[in-house]
């Protein structure tokens, strides 16, 4: 992944509303603009601008269906960033620590 592409991904993920939009699209593949707008107090135009940033970074892929556009999550850019800084060994232990963290947060570590 080129540095410029990574910069776009990090920039897109820097805004909390875009991260929420990405979560919505990941959880509901094929979401249209109306579905994405439902969770925000922004105008449709503002949501469209945020989606354009996510799409430019490659985190969202859109497809025209009739008169509307539907959105899908693309995890490849995040995976490429992950692979850049982890190897097989560190990924294994990072996964173990992440699972432990989630168990503690859910109260299972008591």
N, C-alpha and C. Protein backbone atom coordinates (compact mmCIF):
# COMPACT_ATOMS: atom_id res chain seq x y z
N UNK A 1 0.85 -1.17 0.00
CA UNK A 1 0.00 0.00 0.00
C UNK A 1 0.90 1.24 0.00
N UNK A 2 0.62 2.16 -0.87
CA UNK A 2 1.39 3.38 -0.96
C UNK A 2 1.13 4.28 0.23
N UNK A 3 2.11 5.09 0.58
CA UNK A 3 1.99 6.00 1.72
C UNK A 3 0.80 6.94 1.55
N UNK A 4 0.61 7.46 0.34
CA UNK A 4 -0.52 8.35 0.08
C UNK A 4 -1.85 7.65 0.36
N UNK A 5 -1.97 6.38 -0.04
CA UNK A 5 -3.19 5.62 0.21
C UNK A 5 -3.41 5.44 1.70
N UNK A 6 -2.32 5.16 2.43
CA UNK A 6 -2.43 5.01 3.88
C UNK A 6 -2.85 6.32 4.53
N UNK A 7 -2.31 7.42 4.04
CA UNK A 7 -2.69 8.73 4.58
C UNK A 7 -4.18 8.96 4.42
N UNK A 8 -4.72 8.57 3.27
CA UNK A 8 -6.16 8.72 3.03
C UNK A 8 -6.98 7.89 4.01
N UNK A 9 -6.52 6.66 4.28
CA UNK A 9 -7.23 5.78 5.22
C UNK A 9 -7.19 6.36 6.62
N UNK A 10 -6.00 6.76 7.08
CA UNK A 10 -5.89 7.33 8.42
C UNK A 10 -6.71 8.62 8.54
N UNK A 11 -6.68 9.44 7.52
CA UNK A 11 -7.45 10.68 7.53
C UNK A 11 -8.94 10.39 7.59
N UNK A 12 -9.39 9.42 6.82
CA UNK A 12 -10.81 9.06 6.81
C UNK A 12 -11.25 8.53 8.17
N UNK A 13 -10.39 7.73 8.79
CA UNK A 13 -10.74 7.14 10.08
C UNK A 13 -10.58 8.11 11.25
N UNK A 14 -9.96 9.26 11.02
CA UNK A 14 -9.72 10.22 12.09
C UNK A 14 -11.01 10.87 12.60
N UNK A 15 -12.03 10.91 11.76
CA UNK A 15 -13.27 11.59 12.16
C UNK A 15 -14.24 10.57 12.78
N UNK A 16 -14.73 10.84 14.00
CA UNK A 16 -15.62 9.87 14.67
C UNK A 16 -16.90 9.57 13.90
N UNK A 17 -17.46 10.54 13.22
CA UNK A 17 -18.70 10.29 12.46
C UNK A 17 -18.43 9.32 11.31
N UNK A 18 -17.27 9.44 10.67
CA UNK A 18 -16.96 8.52 9.58
C UNK A 18 -16.75 7.11 10.10
N UNK A 19 -16.16 6.99 11.29
CA UNK A 19 -16.01 5.65 11.88
C UNK A 19 -17.38 5.05 12.18
N UNK A 20 -18.31 5.87 12.66
CA UNK A 20 -19.67 5.39 12.92
C UNK A 20 -20.36 4.98 11.62
N UNK A 21 -20.16 5.77 10.58
CA UNK A 21 -20.75 5.42 9.28
C UNK A 21 -20.18 4.10 8.78
N UNK A 22 -18.90 3.93 8.95
CA UNK A 22 -18.25 2.70 8.53
C UNK A 22 -18.81 1.51 9.31
N UNK A 23 -19.03 1.69 10.61
CA UNK A 23 -19.64 0.63 11.42
C UNK A 23 -21.03 0.28 10.90
N UNK A 24 -21.81 1.30 10.61
CA UNK A 24 -23.18 1.10 10.11
C UNK A 24 -23.15 0.31 8.80
N UNK A 25 -22.27 0.70 7.90
CA UNK A 25 -22.19 0.06 6.59
C UNK A 25 -21.66 -1.36 6.73
N UNK A 26 -20.71 -1.57 7.63
CA UNK A 26 -20.19 -2.92 7.87
C UNK A 26 -21.29 -3.83 8.43
N UNK A 27 -22.07 -3.30 9.36
CA UNK A 27 -23.13 -4.09 10.00
C UNK A 27 -24.34 -4.30 9.11
N UNK A 28 -24.54 -3.38 8.15
CA UNK A 28 -25.69 -3.46 7.25
C UNK A 28 -25.21 -3.28 5.81
N UNK A 29 -24.60 -4.32 5.23
CA UNK A 29 -24.11 -4.19 3.85
C UNK A 29 -25.24 -3.81 2.89
N UNK A 30 -24.92 -2.97 1.95
CA UNK A 30 -25.92 -2.53 0.99
C UNK A 30 -26.78 -1.39 1.50
N UNK A 31 -26.30 -0.69 2.54
CA UNK A 31 -27.05 0.45 3.09
C UNK A 31 -27.13 1.55 2.04
N UNK A 32 -28.28 2.18 1.98
CA UNK A 32 -28.40 3.34 1.10
C UNK A 32 -28.18 4.61 1.91
N UNK A 33 -28.21 5.74 1.26
CA UNK A 33 -27.94 7.02 1.93
C UNK A 33 -28.94 7.26 3.06
N UNK A 34 -30.19 6.95 2.83
CA UNK A 34 -31.22 7.17 3.86
C UNK A 34 -30.91 6.35 5.11
N UNK A 35 -30.47 5.12 4.94
CA UNK A 35 -30.12 4.27 6.07
C UNK A 35 -28.94 4.83 6.84
N UNK A 36 -27.93 5.30 6.14
CA UNK A 36 -26.75 5.86 6.79
C UNK A 36 -27.11 7.16 7.51
N UNK A 37 -27.93 8.00 6.89
CA UNK A 37 -28.32 9.29 7.48
C UNK A 37 -29.11 9.13 8.76
N UNK A 38 -29.79 8.04 8.92
CA UNK A 38 -30.69 7.82 10.05
C UNK A 38 -29.99 8.03 11.40
N UNK A 39 -28.72 7.70 11.48
CA UNK A 39 -27.99 7.77 12.76
C UNK A 39 -27.35 9.12 13.04
N UNK A 40 -27.51 10.08 12.15
CA UNK A 40 -26.78 11.34 12.29
C UNK A 40 -27.71 12.55 12.21
N UNK A 41 -27.29 13.61 12.88
CA UNK A 41 -28.02 14.86 12.83
C UNK A 41 -27.47 15.78 11.74
N UNK A 42 -26.69 15.22 10.83
CA UNK A 42 -26.12 15.98 9.73
C UNK A 42 -27.11 16.06 8.58
N UNK A 43 -26.87 16.99 7.70
CA UNK A 43 -27.67 17.05 6.47
C UNK A 43 -27.25 15.90 5.56
N UNK A 44 -28.10 15.59 4.61
CA UNK A 44 -27.77 14.54 3.63
C UNK A 44 -26.49 14.88 2.88
N UNK A 45 -26.31 16.15 2.58
CA UNK A 45 -25.11 16.59 1.85
C UNK A 45 -23.86 16.33 2.69
N UNK A 46 -23.93 16.61 3.99
CA UNK A 46 -22.78 16.38 4.87
C UNK A 46 -22.45 14.88 4.93
N UNK A 47 -23.48 14.05 5.04
CA UNK A 47 -23.25 12.59 5.06
C UNK A 47 -22.65 12.14 3.74
N UNK A 48 -23.14 12.69 2.63
CA UNK A 48 -22.58 12.34 1.32
C UNK A 48 -21.11 12.72 1.23
N UNK A 49 -20.73 13.85 1.81
CA UNK A 49 -19.32 14.27 1.80
C UNK A 49 -18.46 13.31 2.62
N UNK A 50 -18.96 12.90 3.77
CA UNK A 50 -18.24 11.93 4.60
C UNK A 50 -18.09 10.60 3.85
N UNK A 51 -19.15 10.17 3.21
CA UNK A 51 -19.09 8.92 2.45
C UNK A 51 -18.11 9.02 1.30
N UNK A 52 -18.02 10.19 0.70
CA UNK A 52 -17.05 10.40 -0.40
C UNK A 52 -15.62 10.26 0.11
N UNK A 53 -15.36 10.75 1.32
CA UNK A 53 -14.02 10.61 1.92
C UNK A 53 -13.71 9.13 2.17
N UNK A 54 -14.69 8.41 2.72
CA UNK A 54 -14.51 6.98 2.96
C UNK A 54 -14.30 6.21 1.66
N UNK A 55 -15.02 6.61 0.63
CA UNK A 55 -14.89 5.94 -0.66
C UNK A 55 -13.54 6.25 -1.31
N UNK A 56 -13.09 7.48 -1.20
CA UNK A 56 -11.80 7.85 -1.77
C UNK A 56 -10.66 7.07 -1.09
N UNK A 57 -10.81 6.79 0.21
CA UNK A 57 -9.81 6.03 0.96
C UNK A 57 -9.92 4.54 0.67
N UNK A 58 -10.97 4.13 -0.03
CA UNK A 58 -11.15 2.72 -0.36
C UNK A 58 -11.82 1.92 0.74
N UNK A 59 -12.29 2.59 1.79
CA UNK A 59 -12.93 1.90 2.90
C UNK A 59 -14.39 1.54 2.62
N UNK A 60 -14.97 2.24 1.66
CA UNK A 60 -16.35 2.01 1.25
C UNK A 60 -16.38 1.89 -0.27
N UNK A 61 -17.18 0.96 -0.71
CA UNK A 61 -17.41 0.79 -2.15
C UNK A 61 -18.89 1.04 -2.38
N UNK A 62 -19.20 1.83 -3.39
CA UNK A 62 -20.61 2.10 -3.67
C UNK A 62 -21.00 1.48 -5.00
N UNK A 63 -22.28 1.23 -5.11
CA UNK A 63 -22.83 0.62 -6.32
C UNK A 63 -24.17 1.28 -6.60
N UNK A 64 -24.39 1.62 -7.84
CA UNK A 64 -25.65 2.23 -8.25
C UNK A 64 -26.70 1.13 -8.41
N UNK A 65 -27.82 1.27 -7.71
CA UNK A 65 -28.95 0.34 -7.84
C UNK A 65 -30.19 1.17 -8.14
N UNK A 66 -30.58 1.14 -9.38
CA UNK A 66 -31.71 1.97 -9.78
C UNK A 66 -31.38 3.43 -9.62
N UNK A 67 -32.20 4.14 -8.85
CA UNK A 67 -31.98 5.57 -8.64
C UNK A 67 -31.16 5.88 -7.39
N UNK A 68 -30.81 4.84 -6.64
CA UNK A 68 -30.05 5.09 -5.42
C UNK A 68 -28.68 4.42 -5.45
N UNK A 69 -27.85 4.81 -4.54
CA UNK A 69 -26.50 4.25 -4.41
C UNK A 69 -26.46 3.49 -3.10
N UNK A 70 -25.90 2.29 -3.14
CA UNK A 70 -25.76 1.48 -1.93
C UNK A 70 -24.27 1.34 -1.61
N UNK A 71 -23.98 1.15 -0.33
CA UNK A 71 -22.61 1.18 0.15
C UNK A 71 -22.23 -0.13 0.83
N UNK A 72 -20.98 -0.52 0.62
CA UNK A 72 -20.44 -1.74 1.21
C UNK A 72 -19.09 -1.44 1.84
N UNK A 73 -18.80 -2.09 2.95
CA UNK A 73 -17.53 -1.94 3.66
C UNK A 73 -16.45 -2.73 2.94
N UNK A 74 -15.27 -2.13 2.80
CA UNK A 74 -14.12 -2.80 2.21
C UNK A 74 -13.01 -2.81 3.26
N UNK A 75 -12.70 -3.97 3.80
CA UNK A 75 -11.71 -4.07 4.88
C UNK A 75 -10.27 -4.15 4.37
N UNK A 76 -10.08 -4.24 3.07
CA UNK A 76 -8.73 -4.43 2.52
C UNK A 76 -7.75 -3.33 2.94
N UNK A 77 -8.10 -2.04 2.86
CA UNK A 77 -7.13 -1.02 3.28
C UNK A 77 -6.69 -1.15 4.74
N UNK A 78 -7.60 -1.53 5.61
CA UNK A 78 -7.26 -1.70 7.02
C UNK A 78 -6.37 -2.92 7.19
N UNK A 79 -6.67 -3.98 6.46
CA UNK A 79 -5.85 -5.19 6.51
C UNK A 79 -4.43 -4.92 6.02
N UNK A 80 -4.29 -4.13 4.97
CA UNK A 80 -2.97 -3.79 4.44
C UNK A 80 -2.15 -3.00 5.46
N UNK A 81 -2.80 -2.10 6.17
CA UNK A 81 -2.11 -1.35 7.21
C UNK A 81 -1.70 -2.29 8.35
N UNK A 82 -2.59 -3.16 8.73
CA UNK A 82 -2.29 -4.14 9.78
C UNK A 82 -1.08 -4.99 9.38
N UNK A 83 -1.07 -5.47 8.17
CA UNK A 83 0.02 -6.34 7.71
C UNK A 83 1.35 -5.60 7.63
N UNK A 84 1.30 -4.30 7.39
CA UNK A 84 2.54 -3.54 7.29
C UNK A 84 3.30 -3.55 8.62
N UNK A 85 2.59 -3.49 9.75
CA UNK A 85 3.25 -3.36 11.04
C UNK A 85 3.20 -4.62 11.90
N UNK A 86 2.66 -5.68 11.40
CA UNK A 86 2.65 -6.91 12.20
C UNK A 86 3.22 -8.06 11.39
N UNK A 87 3.76 -9.01 12.09
CA UNK A 87 4.18 -10.24 11.44
C UNK A 87 3.36 -11.37 12.06
N UNK A 88 3.60 -12.58 11.64
CA UNK A 88 2.80 -13.71 12.10
C UNK A 88 2.88 -13.87 13.62
N UNK A 89 4.08 -13.72 14.16
CA UNK A 89 4.29 -13.91 15.59
C UNK A 89 3.59 -12.82 16.40
N UNK A 90 3.80 -11.57 16.03
CA UNK A 90 3.19 -10.48 16.80
C UNK A 90 1.68 -10.46 16.64
N UNK A 91 1.18 -10.84 15.48
CA UNK A 91 -0.27 -10.89 15.27
C UNK A 91 -0.92 -11.90 16.21
N UNK A 92 -0.25 -13.03 16.41
CA UNK A 92 -0.78 -14.07 17.31
C UNK A 92 -0.94 -13.51 18.73
N UNK A 93 0.12 -12.88 19.26
CA UNK A 93 0.07 -12.37 20.62
C UNK A 93 -0.81 -11.14 20.75
N UNK A 94 -0.84 -10.33 19.74
CA UNK A 94 -1.74 -9.17 19.77
C UNK A 94 -3.19 -9.65 19.82
N UNK A 95 -3.50 -10.71 19.08
CA UNK A 95 -4.85 -11.29 19.12
C UNK A 95 -5.21 -11.82 20.49
N UNK A 96 -4.25 -12.47 21.14
CA UNK A 96 -4.48 -12.99 22.50
C UNK A 96 -4.74 -11.83 23.48
N UNK A 97 -3.93 -10.78 23.39
CA UNK A 97 -4.11 -9.63 24.27
C UNK A 97 -5.44 -8.92 24.01
N UNK A 98 -5.83 -8.82 22.75
CA UNK A 98 -7.10 -8.19 22.41
C UNK A 98 -8.27 -8.99 22.99
N UNK A 99 -8.22 -10.31 22.86
CA UNK A 99 -9.28 -11.16 23.41
C UNK A 99 -9.35 -11.01 24.93
N UNK A 100 -8.18 -10.95 25.59
CA UNK A 100 -8.13 -10.75 27.03
C UNK A 100 -8.74 -9.42 27.42
N UNK A 101 -8.41 -8.37 26.69
CA UNK A 101 -8.96 -7.03 26.94
C UNK A 101 -10.49 -7.05 26.83
N UNK A 102 -11.02 -7.71 25.80
CA UNK A 102 -12.48 -7.77 25.62
C UNK A 102 -13.14 -8.53 26.77
N UNK A 103 -12.51 -9.63 27.21
CA UNK A 103 -13.07 -10.39 28.33
C UNK A 103 -13.10 -9.53 29.61
N UNK A 104 -12.03 -8.79 29.85
CA UNK A 104 -12.00 -7.92 31.03
C UNK A 104 -13.06 -6.84 30.97
N UNK A 105 -13.23 -6.25 29.78
CA UNK A 105 -14.22 -5.20 29.62
C UNK A 105 -15.65 -5.71 29.79
N UNK A 106 -15.85 -6.97 29.49
CA UNK A 106 -17.19 -7.55 29.61
C UNK A 106 -17.42 -8.17 30.99
N UNK A 107 -16.44 -8.03 31.87
CA UNK A 107 -16.60 -8.53 33.23
C UNK A 107 -16.33 -10.01 33.37
N UNK A 108 -15.80 -10.66 32.34
CA UNK A 108 -15.52 -12.09 32.42
C UNK A 108 -14.23 -12.37 33.13
N UNK A 109 -13.42 -11.36 33.40
CA UNK A 109 -12.13 -11.55 34.03
C UNK A 109 -12.22 -11.58 35.55
N UNK A 110 -13.43 -11.39 36.11
CA UNK A 110 -13.60 -11.36 37.57
C UNK A 110 -13.49 -12.71 38.18
